[in-house]
C-alpha atoms as a PDB file:
ATOM      1  CA  UNK A   1     -28.601  17.198  20.237  1.00  0.00           C
ATOM      2  CA  UNK A   2     -26.782  15.186  22.591  1.00  0.00           C
ATOM      3  CA  UNK A   3     -24.362  11.965  21.451  1.00  0.00           C
ATOM      4  CA  UNK A   4     -27.310   9.599  21.813  1.00  0.00           C
ATOM      5  CA  UNK A   5     -30.128  11.536  19.973  1.00  0.00           C
ATOM      6  CA  UNK A   6     -27.430  11.977  17.743  1.00  0.00           C
ATOM      7  CA  UNK A   7     -26.868   8.299  16.844  1.00  0.00           C
ATOM      8  CA  UNK A   8     -30.187   7.233  17.231  1.00  0.00           C
ATOM      9  CA  UNK A   9     -31.025   9.853  14.441  1.00  0.00           C
ATOM     10  CA  UNK A  10     -27.422   8.448  12.111  1.00  0.00           C
ATOM     11  CA  UNK A  11     -29.375   5.209  12.752  1.00  0.00           C
ATOM     12  CA  UNK A  12     -32.505   6.444  11.419  1.00  0.00           C
ATOM     13  CA  UNK A  13     -30.965   7.746   8.076  1.00  0.00           C
ATOM     14  CA  UNK A  14     -29.388   4.062   7.776  1.00  0.00           C
ATOM     15  CA  UNK A  15     -25.868   5.303   8.928  1.00  0.00           C
ATOM     16  CA  UNK A  16     -23.364   2.974  10.399  1.00  0.00           C
ATOM     17  CA  UNK A  17     -20.162   3.767  12.456  1.00  0.00           C
ATOM     18  CA  UNK A  18     -17.522   1.511  13.797  1.00  0.00           C
ATOM     19  CA  UNK A  19     -14.095   2.096  15.117  1.00  0.00           C
ATOM     20  CA  UNK A  20     -11.405   0.024  12.926  1.00  0.00           C
ATOM     21  CA  UNK A  21      -9.514  -2.010  15.679  1.00  0.00           C
ATOM     22  CA  UNK A  22      -5.791  -2.433  16.001  1.00  0.00           C
ATOM     23  CA  UNK A  23      -4.543   0.487  14.055  1.00  0.00           C
ATOM     24  CA  UNK A  24      -0.661   0.703  13.721  1.00  0.00           C
ATOM     25  CA  UNK A  25      -0.335   3.403  10.779  1.00  0.00           C
ATOM     26  CA  UNK A  26      -2.494   4.528   8.410  1.00  0.00           C
ATOM     27  CA  UNK A  27      -1.041   5.284   4.784  1.00  0.00           C
ATOM     28  CA  UNK A  28      -1.553   7.275   1.808  1.00  0.00           C
ATOM     29  CA  UNK A  29       0.407   7.268  -1.093  1.00  0.00           C
ATOM     30  CA  UNK A  30       0.771   9.291  -4.035  1.00  0.00           C
ATOM     31  CA  UNK A  31       3.562   9.527  -6.785  1.00  0.00           C
ATOM     32  CA  UNK A  32       5.253  12.292  -5.439  1.00  0.00           C
ATOM     33  CA  UNK A  33       4.876  11.904  -1.240  1.00  0.00           C
ATOM     34  CA  UNK A  34       4.233   9.560   1.481  1.00  0.00           C
ATOM     35  CA  UNK A  35       1.070  10.719   3.971  1.00  0.00           C
ATOM     36  CA  UNK A  36       1.598   8.897   6.852  1.00  0.00           C
ATOM     37  CA  UNK A  37      -0.583   9.099  10.183  1.00  0.00           C
ATOM     38  CA  UNK A  38       1.505   7.016  13.464  1.00  0.00           C
ATOM     39  CA  UNK A  39      -1.189   7.677  15.765  1.00  0.00           C
ATOM     40  CA  UNK A  40      -4.347   7.140  13.769  1.00  0.00           C
ATOM     41  CA  UNK A  41      -7.717   6.400  15.204  1.00  0.00           C
ATOM     42  CA  UNK A  42      -9.586   5.064  12.228  1.00  0.00           C
ATOM     43  CA  UNK A  43     -13.561   4.768  11.662  1.00  0.00           C
ATOM     44  CA  UNK A  44     -15.728   3.453   8.930  1.00  0.00           C
ATOM     45  CA  UNK A  45     -19.096   4.971   8.241  1.00  0.00           C
ATOM     46  CA  UNK A  46     -21.495   3.193   5.865  1.00  0.00           C
ATOM     47  CA  UNK A  47     -24.260   4.930   4.561  1.00  0.00           C
ATOM     48  CA  UNK A  48     -26.447   4.494   1.609  1.00  0.00           C
ATOM     49  CA  UNK A  49     -23.958   0.803   0.850  1.00  0.00           C
ATOM     50  CA  UNK A  50     -20.476   3.161   0.676  1.00  0.00           C
ATOM     51  CA  UNK A  51     -18.430   3.341   2.900  1.00  0.00           C
ATOM     52  CA  UNK A  52     -15.983   5.952   3.950  1.00  0.00           C
ATOM     53  CA  UNK A  53     -12.954   6.133   6.291  1.00  0.00           C
ATOM     54  CA  UNK A  54     -12.733   8.815   8.762  1.00  0.00           C
ATOM     55  CA  UNK A  55      -8.444   9.137  10.118  1.00  0.00           C
ATOM     56  CA  UNK A  56      -8.193  10.961  12.961  1.00  0.00           C
ATOM     57  CA  UNK A  57      -3.924  11.850  13.880  1.00  0.00           C
ATOM     58  CA  UNK A  58      -1.416  13.800  13.096  1.00  0.00           C
ATOM     59  CA  UNK A  59       0.258  13.324   9.764  1.00  0.00           C
ATOM     60  CA  UNK A  60       3.632  13.463   8.796  1.00  0.00           C
ATOM     61  CA  UNK A  61       5.220  13.360   5.011  1.00  0.00           C
ATOM     62  CA  UNK A  62       7.404  12.074   3.176  1.00  0.00           C
ATOM     63  CA  UNK A  63       9.139  12.456  -0.030  1.00  0.00           C
ATOM     64  CA  UNK A  64       9.042   9.461  -2.213  1.00  0.00           C
ATOM     65  CA  UNK A  65      11.574  10.437  -5.217  1.00  0.00           C
ATOM     66  CA  UNK A  66      10.545   9.249  -8.426  1.00  0.00           C
ATOM     67  CA  UNK A  67       7.540   7.730  -7.291  1.00  0.00           C
ATOM     68  CA  UNK A  68       8.481   4.248  -7.231  1.00  0.00           C
ATOM     69  CA  UNK A  69       9.021   2.286  -4.072  1.00  0.00           C
ATOM     70  CA  UNK A  70      12.496   3.000  -2.033  1.00  0.00           C
ATOM     71  CA  UNK A  71      13.541  -0.343  -2.852  1.00  0.00           C
ATOM     72  CA  UNK A  72      13.899  -0.392  -6.253  1.00  0.00           C
ATOM     73  CA  UNK A  73      16.814   0.572  -8.315  1.00  0.00           C
ATOM     74  CA  UNK A  74      16.162   1.434 -12.014  1.00  0.00           C
ATOM     75  CA  UNK A  75      12.823  -0.016 -11.935  1.00  0.00           C
ATOM     76  CA  UNK A  76      13.528  -2.823 -10.112  1.00  0.00           C
ATOM     77  CA  UNK A  77      12.927  -3.991  -6.728  1.00  0.00           C
ATOM     78  CA  UNK A  78      15.784  -5.337  -4.886  1.00  0.00           C
ATOM     79  CA  UNK A  79      13.861  -8.140  -3.192  1.00  0.00           C
ATOM     80  CA  UNK A  80      12.598  -9.796  -6.842  1.00  0.00           C
ATOM     81  CA  UNK A  81      16.581  -9.370  -8.012  1.00  0.00           C
ATOM     82  CA  UNK A  82      17.583 -11.675  -5.094  1.00  0.00           C
ATOM     83  CA  UNK A  83      14.763 -13.860  -5.892  1.00  0.00           C
ATOM     84  CA  UNK A  84      15.240 -14.414  -9.387  1.00  0.00           C
ATOM     85  CA  UNK A  85      19.192 -15.129  -8.370  1.00  0.00           C
ATOM     86  CA  UNK A  86      18.276 -17.343  -5.848  1.00  0.00           C
ATOM     87  CA  UNK A  87      15.867 -19.608  -8.070  1.00  0.00           C
ATOM     88  CA  UNK A  88      18.070 -19.359 -11.018  1.00  0.00           C
ATOM     89  CA  UNK A  89      21.566 -19.130  -9.915  1.00  0.00           C
ATOM     90  CA  UNK A  90      22.120 -16.290 -12.461  1.00  0.00           C
ATOM     91  CA  UNK A  91      24.384 -12.995 -11.824  1.00  0.00           C
ATOM     92  CA  UNK A  92      22.716 -10.011 -10.898  1.00  0.00           C
ATOM     93  CA  UNK A  93      23.240  -8.340 -13.963  1.00  0.00           C
ATOM     94  CA  UNK A  94      21.124 -10.917 -15.543  1.00  0.00           C
ATOM     95  CA  UNK A  95      18.731 -10.906 -13.016  1.00  0.00           C
ATOM     96  CA  UNK A  96      18.161  -7.550 -13.591  1.00  0.00           C
ATOM     97  CA  UNK A  97      18.065  -7.453 -17.310  1.00  0.00           C
ATOM     98  CA  UNK A  98      14.861 -10.168 -17.047  1.00  0.00           C
ATOM     99  CA  UNK A  99      13.051  -8.542 -14.436  1.00  0.00           C
ATOM    100  CA  UNK A 100      13.581  -5.217 -17.206  1.00  0.00           C
ATOM    101  CA  UNK A 101      12.473  -7.504 -20.134  1.00  0.00           C
ATOM    102  CA  UNK A 102       9.563  -8.710 -18.074  1.00  0.00           C
ATOM    103  CA  UNK A 103       8.244  -5.276 -16.857  1.00  0.00           C
ATOM    104  CA  UNK A 104       9.514  -6.350 -12.649  1.00  0.00           C
ATOM    105  CA  UNK A 105       7.349  -9.420 -12.929  1.00  0.00           C
ATOM    106  CA  UNK A 106       9.489 -12.243 -10.704  1.00  0.00           C
ATOM    107  CA  UNK A 107       7.608 -15.291 -12.009  1.00  0.00           C
ATOM    108  CA  UNK A 108       8.571 -14.453 -15.558  1.00  0.00           C
ATOM    109  CA  UNK A 109      11.793 -13.263 -15.017  1.00  0.00           C
ATOM    110  CA  UNK A 110      12.906 -16.533 -13.827  1.00  0.00           C
ATOM    111  CA  UNK A 111      11.022 -18.629 -16.380  1.00  0.00           C
ATOM    112  CA  UNK A 112      12.932 -16.146 -18.922  1.00  0.00           C
ATOM    113  CA  UNK A 113      16.589 -17.419 -17.482  1.00  0.00           C
ATOM    114  CA  UNK A 114      15.552 -21.072 -16.962  1.00  0.00           C
ATOM    115  CA  UNK A 115      14.021 -21.876 -20.225  1.00  0.00           C
ATOM    116  CA  UNK A 116      16.856 -19.078 -22.469  1.00  0.00           C
END
């Protein structure tokens, strides 16, 4: 079956395909690793209301350690510590403590410090 006939048959079955434009990279993240496609070609396939993505490219696997983002230290993101410090004027230690008590939620940590 030539490609033109294949597309017509897919259309009759209600299957559509579309290339996803301008893809820079695709990351599949698990607790232990990341699978990264830097040269990915991505196609979305819709069939019976379900959308499936097909990735074509060369995967690169990277370890994630304990499952936390690389910028996390003791379960707290460094950027959140800096945000809490800049908004409240507190010490790094106080910012970390508040973030841990608020399960890493910066807005709650800021309120906690400002009202505490």
